[in-house]
N, C-alpha and C. Protein backbone atom coordinates (compact mmCIF):
# COMPACT_ATOMS: atom_id res chain seq x y z
N GLN A 1 -27.13 41.45 92.92
CA GLN A 1 -27.74 42.05 92.12
C GLN A 1 -27.16 43.08 91.15
N VAL A 2 -28.10 42.87 90.24
CA VAL A 2 -27.77 43.57 88.52
C VAL A 2 -27.86 45.19 88.64
N GLN A 3 -26.67 45.78 88.03
CA GLN A 3 -26.94 47.17 87.97
C GLN A 3 -26.72 47.47 86.55
N LEU A 4 -26.99 48.39 86.00
CA LEU A 4 -26.67 48.93 84.80
C LEU A 4 -26.16 50.69 85.04
N VAL A 5 -24.82 50.66 84.74
CA VAL A 5 -24.19 51.77 84.60
C VAL A 5 -24.22 52.51 83.10
N GLU A 6 -24.90 53.67 83.11
CA GLU A 6 -24.43 54.24 82.09
C GLU A 6 -23.70 55.64 82.01
N SER A 7 -23.11 55.84 80.52
CA SER A 7 -22.38 56.93 80.28
C SER A 7 -22.71 57.71 79.22
N GLY A 8 -22.17 58.95 79.22
CA GLY A 8 -22.41 59.58 77.93
C GLY A 8 -23.35 60.70 77.86
N GLY A 9 -24.03 61.07 76.97
CA GLY A 9 -25.11 62.18 77.09
C GLY A 9 -24.34 63.79 77.22
N GLY A 10 -25.12 64.62 77.56
CA GLY A 10 -24.87 65.81 77.49
C GLY A 10 -25.24 66.52 76.52
N SER A 11 -24.84 67.96 76.00
CA SER A 11 -25.59 68.67 75.52
C SER A 11 -24.97 69.18 73.75
N VAL A 12 -25.81 69.36 73.04
CA VAL A 12 -25.28 69.34 71.79
C VAL A 12 -26.57 70.31 71.03
N GLU A 13 -26.01 70.71 69.94
CA GLU A 13 -26.67 72.19 69.16
C GLU A 13 -27.89 71.10 68.35
N VAL A 14 -28.64 71.60 67.76
CA VAL A 14 -29.53 71.16 66.62
C VAL A 14 -28.89 70.39 65.33
N GLY A 15 -29.10 68.89 65.12
CA GLY A 15 -27.96 68.48 64.20
C GLY A 15 -26.96 67.68 64.50
N GLY A 16 -26.73 67.63 65.79
CA GLY A 16 -25.26 67.08 66.33
C GLY A 16 -25.75 65.82 66.68
N SER A 17 -24.62 64.86 67.38
CA SER A 17 -24.76 63.75 67.74
C SER A 17 -24.25 63.33 69.06
N LEU A 18 -24.68 62.26 69.64
CA LEU A 18 -24.24 62.11 71.20
C LEU A 18 -24.21 60.44 70.85
N ARG A 19 -23.11 59.89 71.68
CA ARG A 19 -23.54 58.59 72.23
C ARG A 19 -23.49 57.99 73.52
N LEU A 20 -24.83 57.22 73.85
CA LEU A 20 -24.73 56.76 74.93
C LEU A 20 -24.42 55.46 75.36
N SER A 21 -23.45 54.75 76.37
CA SER A 21 -23.29 53.24 76.59
C SER A 21 -23.71 52.94 78.09
N CYS A 22 -24.00 51.69 78.18
CA CYS A 22 -24.40 51.14 79.36
C CYS A 22 -23.89 49.52 79.31
N VAL A 23 -23.54 49.55 80.78
CA VAL A 23 -22.70 48.40 80.97
C VAL A 23 -23.56 47.93 82.02
N VAL A 24 -23.60 46.45 81.74
CA VAL A 24 -24.76 45.49 82.57
C VAL A 24 -23.71 44.46 83.98
N SER A 25 -23.58 44.78 85.25
CA SER A 25 -23.14 44.30 86.19
C SER A 25 -23.89 43.45 87.11
N GLY A 26 -23.09 42.42 87.56
CA GLY A 26 -24.20 41.86 88.57
C GLY A 26 -23.67 39.99 88.14
N ARG A 27 -24.85 39.14 88.53
CA ARG A 27 -24.98 38.18 88.12
C ARG A 27 -26.47 37.45 87.50
N TYR A 28 -26.58 37.21 86.62
CA TYR A 28 -27.81 36.89 85.56
C TYR A 28 -27.67 35.68 85.09
N PHE A 29 -29.17 34.89 84.87
CA PHE A 29 -29.00 34.01 83.84
C PHE A 29 -28.85 34.25 82.12
N ARG A 30 -30.26 35.04 82.05
CA ARG A 30 -29.78 35.38 80.47
C ARG A 30 -30.48 37.06 80.51
N ILE A 31 -30.25 37.59 79.49
CA ILE A 31 -30.80 38.97 79.07
C ILE A 31 -31.53 38.84 77.97
N ASN A 32 -32.94 39.41 78.28
CA ASN A 32 -33.67 39.17 76.71
C ASN A 32 -33.82 40.28 75.80
N MET A 33 -33.68 41.29 76.86
CA MET A 33 -33.91 42.64 75.98
C MET A 33 -32.87 43.66 76.96
N MET A 34 -32.17 44.65 76.02
CA MET A 34 -31.82 45.93 76.39
C MET A 34 -32.41 46.84 75.63
N GLY A 35 -32.51 47.96 76.12
CA GLY A 35 -33.04 49.18 75.49
C GLY A 35 -32.67 50.94 76.09
N TRP A 36 -33.57 51.93 75.60
CA TRP A 36 -33.54 52.64 76.23
C TRP A 36 -34.89 53.49 76.19
N TYR A 37 -34.94 54.01 77.49
CA TYR A 37 -36.23 54.72 77.66
C TYR A 37 -36.19 56.18 77.41
N ARG A 38 -36.57 56.98 77.46
CA ARG A 38 -36.55 58.46 77.62
C ARG A 38 -37.22 59.29 78.35
N GLN A 39 -37.34 59.83 79.11
CA GLN A 39 -38.43 60.89 80.10
C GLN A 39 -38.38 62.36 79.50
N ALA A 40 -38.96 62.97 78.54
CA ALA A 40 -39.14 64.41 78.39
C ALA A 40 -39.60 64.78 79.25
N PRO A 41 -39.05 66.56 79.21
CA PRO A 41 -39.86 67.50 80.72
C PRO A 41 -41.06 67.22 80.33
N GLY A 42 -41.96 67.29 81.28
CA GLY A 42 -43.51 67.08 81.66
C GLY A 42 -44.35 66.04 80.96
N LYS A 43 -43.54 64.94 80.17
CA LYS A 43 -43.87 64.02 79.54
C LYS A 43 -43.77 62.61 80.67
N GLN A 44 -44.57 61.32 79.98
CA GLN A 44 -44.34 60.17 80.58
C GLN A 44 -43.05 59.48 79.92
N ARG A 45 -42.52 58.58 80.67
CA ARG A 45 -41.54 57.88 80.12
C ARG A 45 -41.97 57.08 78.75
N GLU A 46 -40.95 56.95 78.01
CA GLU A 46 -41.60 56.25 76.93
C GLU A 46 -40.21 55.49 76.17
N MET A 47 -40.56 54.13 75.69
CA MET A 47 -39.50 53.46 75.21
C MET A 47 -38.74 54.18 74.17
N VAL A 48 -37.76 54.29 73.70
CA VAL A 48 -37.07 54.81 72.77
C VAL A 48 -36.87 53.98 71.42
N ALA A 49 -35.80 52.98 72.17
CA ALA A 49 -35.02 51.78 71.02
C ALA A 49 -34.89 50.19 72.16
N THR A 50 -34.92 49.27 71.39
CA THR A 50 -34.76 47.98 72.17
C THR A 50 -33.71 47.31 71.21
N ILE A 51 -33.25 46.25 71.73
CA ILE A 51 -32.67 45.18 70.80
C ILE A 51 -32.86 43.97 71.81
N THR A 52 -32.92 42.65 71.00
CA THR A 52 -33.24 41.31 71.61
C THR A 52 -32.08 40.37 71.06
N THR A 53 -32.54 39.28 71.65
CA THR A 53 -32.05 38.24 70.99
C THR A 53 -31.65 38.33 69.37
N GLY A 54 -30.17 37.85 69.21
CA GLY A 54 -30.40 38.09 67.68
C GLY A 54 -30.09 39.24 67.04
N ASP A 55 -30.27 40.33 67.88
CA ASP A 55 -29.78 41.80 67.36
C ASP A 55 -30.49 42.63 66.89
N LEU A 56 -32.08 41.90 67.05
CA LEU A 56 -33.32 42.43 66.20
C LEU A 56 -33.84 43.74 67.16
N ALA A 57 -33.49 44.71 66.39
CA ALA A 57 -33.57 46.38 66.91
C ALA A 57 -34.72 46.66 66.72
N GLU A 58 -35.56 47.53 67.26
CA GLU A 58 -37.01 48.13 67.33
C GLU A 58 -36.70 49.64 67.76
N TYR A 59 -37.37 50.83 66.86
CA TYR A 59 -37.65 52.40 67.67
C TYR A 59 -38.77 52.69 67.03
N ILE A 60 -39.27 53.70 68.27
CA ILE A 60 -40.44 54.50 67.94
C ILE A 60 -40.05 55.33 66.89
N ASP A 61 -41.36 55.60 66.23
CA ASP A 61 -41.26 56.27 64.69
C ASP A 61 -40.36 57.66 64.36
N SER A 62 -40.41 58.49 66.06
CA SER A 62 -40.09 59.88 65.73
C SER A 62 -38.64 59.60 65.68
N VAL A 63 -37.53 58.39 66.01
CA VAL A 63 -36.04 58.01 66.04
C VAL A 63 -35.77 57.33 65.04
N ALA A 64 -36.20 56.75 64.18
CA ALA A 64 -35.98 55.91 63.11
C ALA A 64 -35.12 56.74 62.01
N GLY A 65 -34.17 56.01 61.91
CA GLY A 65 -33.58 56.67 60.93
C GLY A 65 -32.36 57.44 61.42
N ARG A 66 -32.61 58.18 63.31
CA ARG A 66 -31.48 59.18 63.42
C ARG A 66 -30.60 58.00 64.49
N PHE A 67 -31.54 57.47 65.17
CA PHE A 67 -30.75 56.71 66.25
C PHE A 67 -30.50 55.19 65.60
N THR A 68 -29.26 54.67 66.46
CA THR A 68 -29.11 53.46 66.43
C THR A 68 -28.55 52.55 67.60
N VAL A 69 -29.31 51.48 67.77
CA VAL A 69 -28.87 50.83 69.21
C VAL A 69 -27.85 49.58 69.10
N ASN A 70 -26.98 49.15 69.25
CA ASN A 70 -25.98 48.02 69.07
C ASN A 70 -25.49 47.79 70.38
N ARG A 71 -25.07 46.38 70.03
CA ARG A 71 -23.91 46.08 71.60
C ARG A 71 -22.74 45.13 71.19
N ASP A 72 -22.06 44.77 71.88
CA ASP A 72 -20.72 44.04 71.62
C ASP A 72 -21.48 42.59 71.15
N ASN A 73 -22.35 42.20 72.36
CA ASN A 73 -22.59 40.98 72.23
C ASN A 73 -23.88 40.67 73.43
N ASP A 74 -24.01 39.14 73.48
CA ASP A 74 -25.91 39.08 73.93
C ASP A 74 -25.46 39.44 75.58
N LYS A 75 -24.52 40.13 76.31
CA LYS A 75 -24.09 40.55 77.98
C LYS A 75 -23.91 41.76 77.33
N GLY A 76 -24.01 42.42 76.40
CA GLY A 76 -23.67 44.11 76.17
C GLY A 76 -22.15 44.12 76.44
N PRO A 77 -21.68 45.48 76.38
CA PRO A 77 -22.51 46.81 76.80
C PRO A 77 -23.37 47.10 75.59
N VAL A 78 -24.30 48.01 75.62
CA VAL A 78 -25.28 48.18 74.82
C VAL A 78 -25.16 49.75 74.54
N TYR A 79 -25.14 49.99 73.31
CA TYR A 79 -24.76 51.51 73.08
C TYR A 79 -26.21 52.01 72.13
N PHE A 80 -26.20 53.33 72.35
CA PHE A 80 -27.09 54.18 71.75
C PHE A 80 -26.60 55.42 70.66
N GLN A 81 -26.38 55.37 69.45
CA GLN A 81 -26.12 56.46 68.32
C GLN A 81 -26.83 57.20 68.50
N MET A 82 -26.80 58.64 68.74
CA MET A 82 -28.09 59.60 68.22
C MET A 82 -27.12 60.28 67.28
N ASP A 83 -27.89 60.56 66.17
CA ASP A 83 -27.56 61.67 64.87
C ASP A 83 -28.78 62.47 64.51
N ARG A 84 -28.34 63.79 64.00
CA ARG A 84 -29.24 64.62 63.32
C ARG A 84 -30.00 64.83 64.29
N LEU A 85 -29.46 65.14 65.98
CA LEU A 85 -30.62 65.13 66.87
C LEU A 85 -31.31 66.70 66.82
N LEU A 86 -32.68 66.64 67.39
CA LEU A 86 -33.73 67.63 67.16
C LEU A 86 -34.01 68.21 68.85
N PRO A 87 -34.86 69.28 69.15
CA PRO A 87 -34.92 69.89 70.50
C PRO A 87 -35.58 68.77 71.01
N GLU A 88 -37.06 68.00 70.14
CA GLU A 88 -38.01 67.24 71.34
C GLU A 88 -37.53 66.12 71.44
N TYR A 89 -35.78 65.61 71.29
CA TYR A 89 -35.09 64.78 71.76
C TYR A 89 -34.49 64.72 73.26
N THR A 90 -35.04 66.08 73.53
CA THR A 90 -34.19 66.45 75.16
C THR A 90 -35.03 65.45 76.17
N GLY A 91 -33.86 65.23 77.09
CA GLY A 91 -34.67 64.31 77.90
C GLY A 91 -33.87 63.82 78.65
N VAL A 92 -34.16 62.77 79.85
CA VAL A 92 -33.59 61.69 80.66
C VAL A 92 -33.29 60.68 79.54
N TYR A 93 -32.63 59.91 79.36
CA TYR A 93 -32.34 58.57 78.62
C TYR A 93 -31.82 57.15 79.81
N TYR A 94 -32.88 56.31 79.98
CA TYR A 94 -32.56 55.49 80.80
C TYR A 94 -32.26 54.41 80.39
N CYS A 95 -30.97 53.53 80.43
CA CYS A 95 -30.92 51.91 80.20
C CYS A 95 -31.88 51.48 80.55
N VAL A 96 -32.35 50.05 80.05
CA VAL A 96 -33.17 48.98 80.89
C VAL A 96 -33.27 48.01 80.17
N VAL A 97 -33.10 46.59 81.22
CA VAL A 97 -32.63 45.06 80.80
C VAL A 97 -33.69 44.29 81.37
N ASN A 98 -34.04 43.50 80.64
CA ASN A 98 -34.85 42.00 80.76
C ASN A 98 -34.45 40.97 81.18
N LEU A 99 -34.28 40.50 82.56
CA LEU A 99 -33.38 39.33 83.12
C LEU A 99 -34.42 38.06 83.28
N SER A 100 -35.69 38.07 82.42
CA SER A 100 -36.58 36.69 82.90
C SER A 100 -36.42 36.02 82.38
N PRO A 101 -36.48 34.46 83.29
CA PRO A 101 -36.33 33.46 82.71
C PRO A 101 -36.97 32.78 81.22
N LYS A 102 -38.31 33.70 81.16
CA LYS A 102 -39.12 33.67 79.80
C LYS A 102 -38.47 34.62 79.15
N MET A 103 -38.85 35.25 77.50
CA MET A 103 -38.64 36.00 77.08
C MET A 103 -39.85 37.27 77.41
N SER A 104 -39.41 38.54 77.30
CA SER A 104 -40.12 39.62 77.81
C SER A 104 -39.82 40.77 77.79
N MET A 105 -40.19 41.55 77.32
CA MET A 105 -39.75 43.02 76.56
C MET A 105 -39.88 44.25 77.96
N THR A 106 -40.55 43.53 78.85
CA THR A 106 -40.80 44.63 80.21
C THR A 106 -39.32 44.74 80.93
N PRO A 107 -38.65 46.49 80.90
CA PRO A 107 -37.97 46.63 81.85
C PRO A 107 -37.91 46.10 83.23
N GLU A 108 -36.70 45.73 83.64
CA GLU A 108 -36.91 45.33 85.11
C GLU A 108 -35.90 45.52 85.56
N VAL A 109 -34.61 46.47 85.35
CA VAL A 109 -33.44 46.99 85.81
C VAL A 109 -33.48 48.40 84.99
N TRP A 110 -33.37 49.37 85.82
CA TRP A 110 -33.21 50.67 85.21
C TRP A 110 -31.46 51.53 85.51
N GLY A 111 -31.16 52.14 84.83
CA GLY A 111 -29.76 52.62 84.58
C GLY A 111 -30.19 53.98 85.61
N GLN A 112 -29.18 54.63 86.04
CA GLN A 112 -29.44 55.95 86.38
C GLN A 112 -29.86 56.88 85.87
N GLY A 113 -29.88 57.04 84.60
CA GLY A 113 -30.16 58.44 83.45
C GLY A 113 -29.20 59.01 82.82
N ALA A 114 -29.12 59.28 81.86
CA ALA A 114 -28.41 60.28 81.04
C ALA A 114 -28.96 61.44 80.64
N GLN A 115 -28.65 62.75 80.81
CA GLN A 115 -29.14 63.56 80.49
C GLN A 115 -28.89 64.17 79.23
N VAL A 116 -29.97 64.43 78.16
CA VAL A 116 -29.18 64.74 76.77
C VAL A 116 -30.55 65.59 76.52
N THR A 117 -29.79 66.78 76.37
CA THR A 117 -30.10 68.58 75.95
C THR A 117 -30.00 68.73 74.58
N VAL A 118 -30.75 69.14 73.54
CA VAL A 118 -30.30 69.57 72.53
C VAL A 118 -30.94 70.83 72.23
N ASP A 119 -30.15 71.77 71.89
CA ASP A 119 -30.43 73.27 71.85
C ASP A 119 -30.58 73.84 70.64
N SER A 120 -31.88 74.60 70.66
CA SER A 120 -32.49 74.91 69.13
C SER A 120 -31.74 76.38 68.99
């Protein structure tokens, strides 16, 4: 069974930085996508950033230029560097992965979540 173990997160003041890490454990054939989703207080869970084969990274507009997703190799770990943080970035961040035989961006496995709090 594949599991994702996250680390990092915490509280920081506006303009500060945090880094999240995610390690994939277990047996799998391939990783199509690794990424990060966020659930802010009172809001639905949303995709924040993904990285796919060839290290192609995508971000939602609100974090572009502030956040960077990268990984050591195709099997991870995957990292999420968050700079110049704003209060609206507060939420629980989940590491996700897709392991389907065919290319897909749909999260199949979720990490336990890491709390990120940005104090104004």
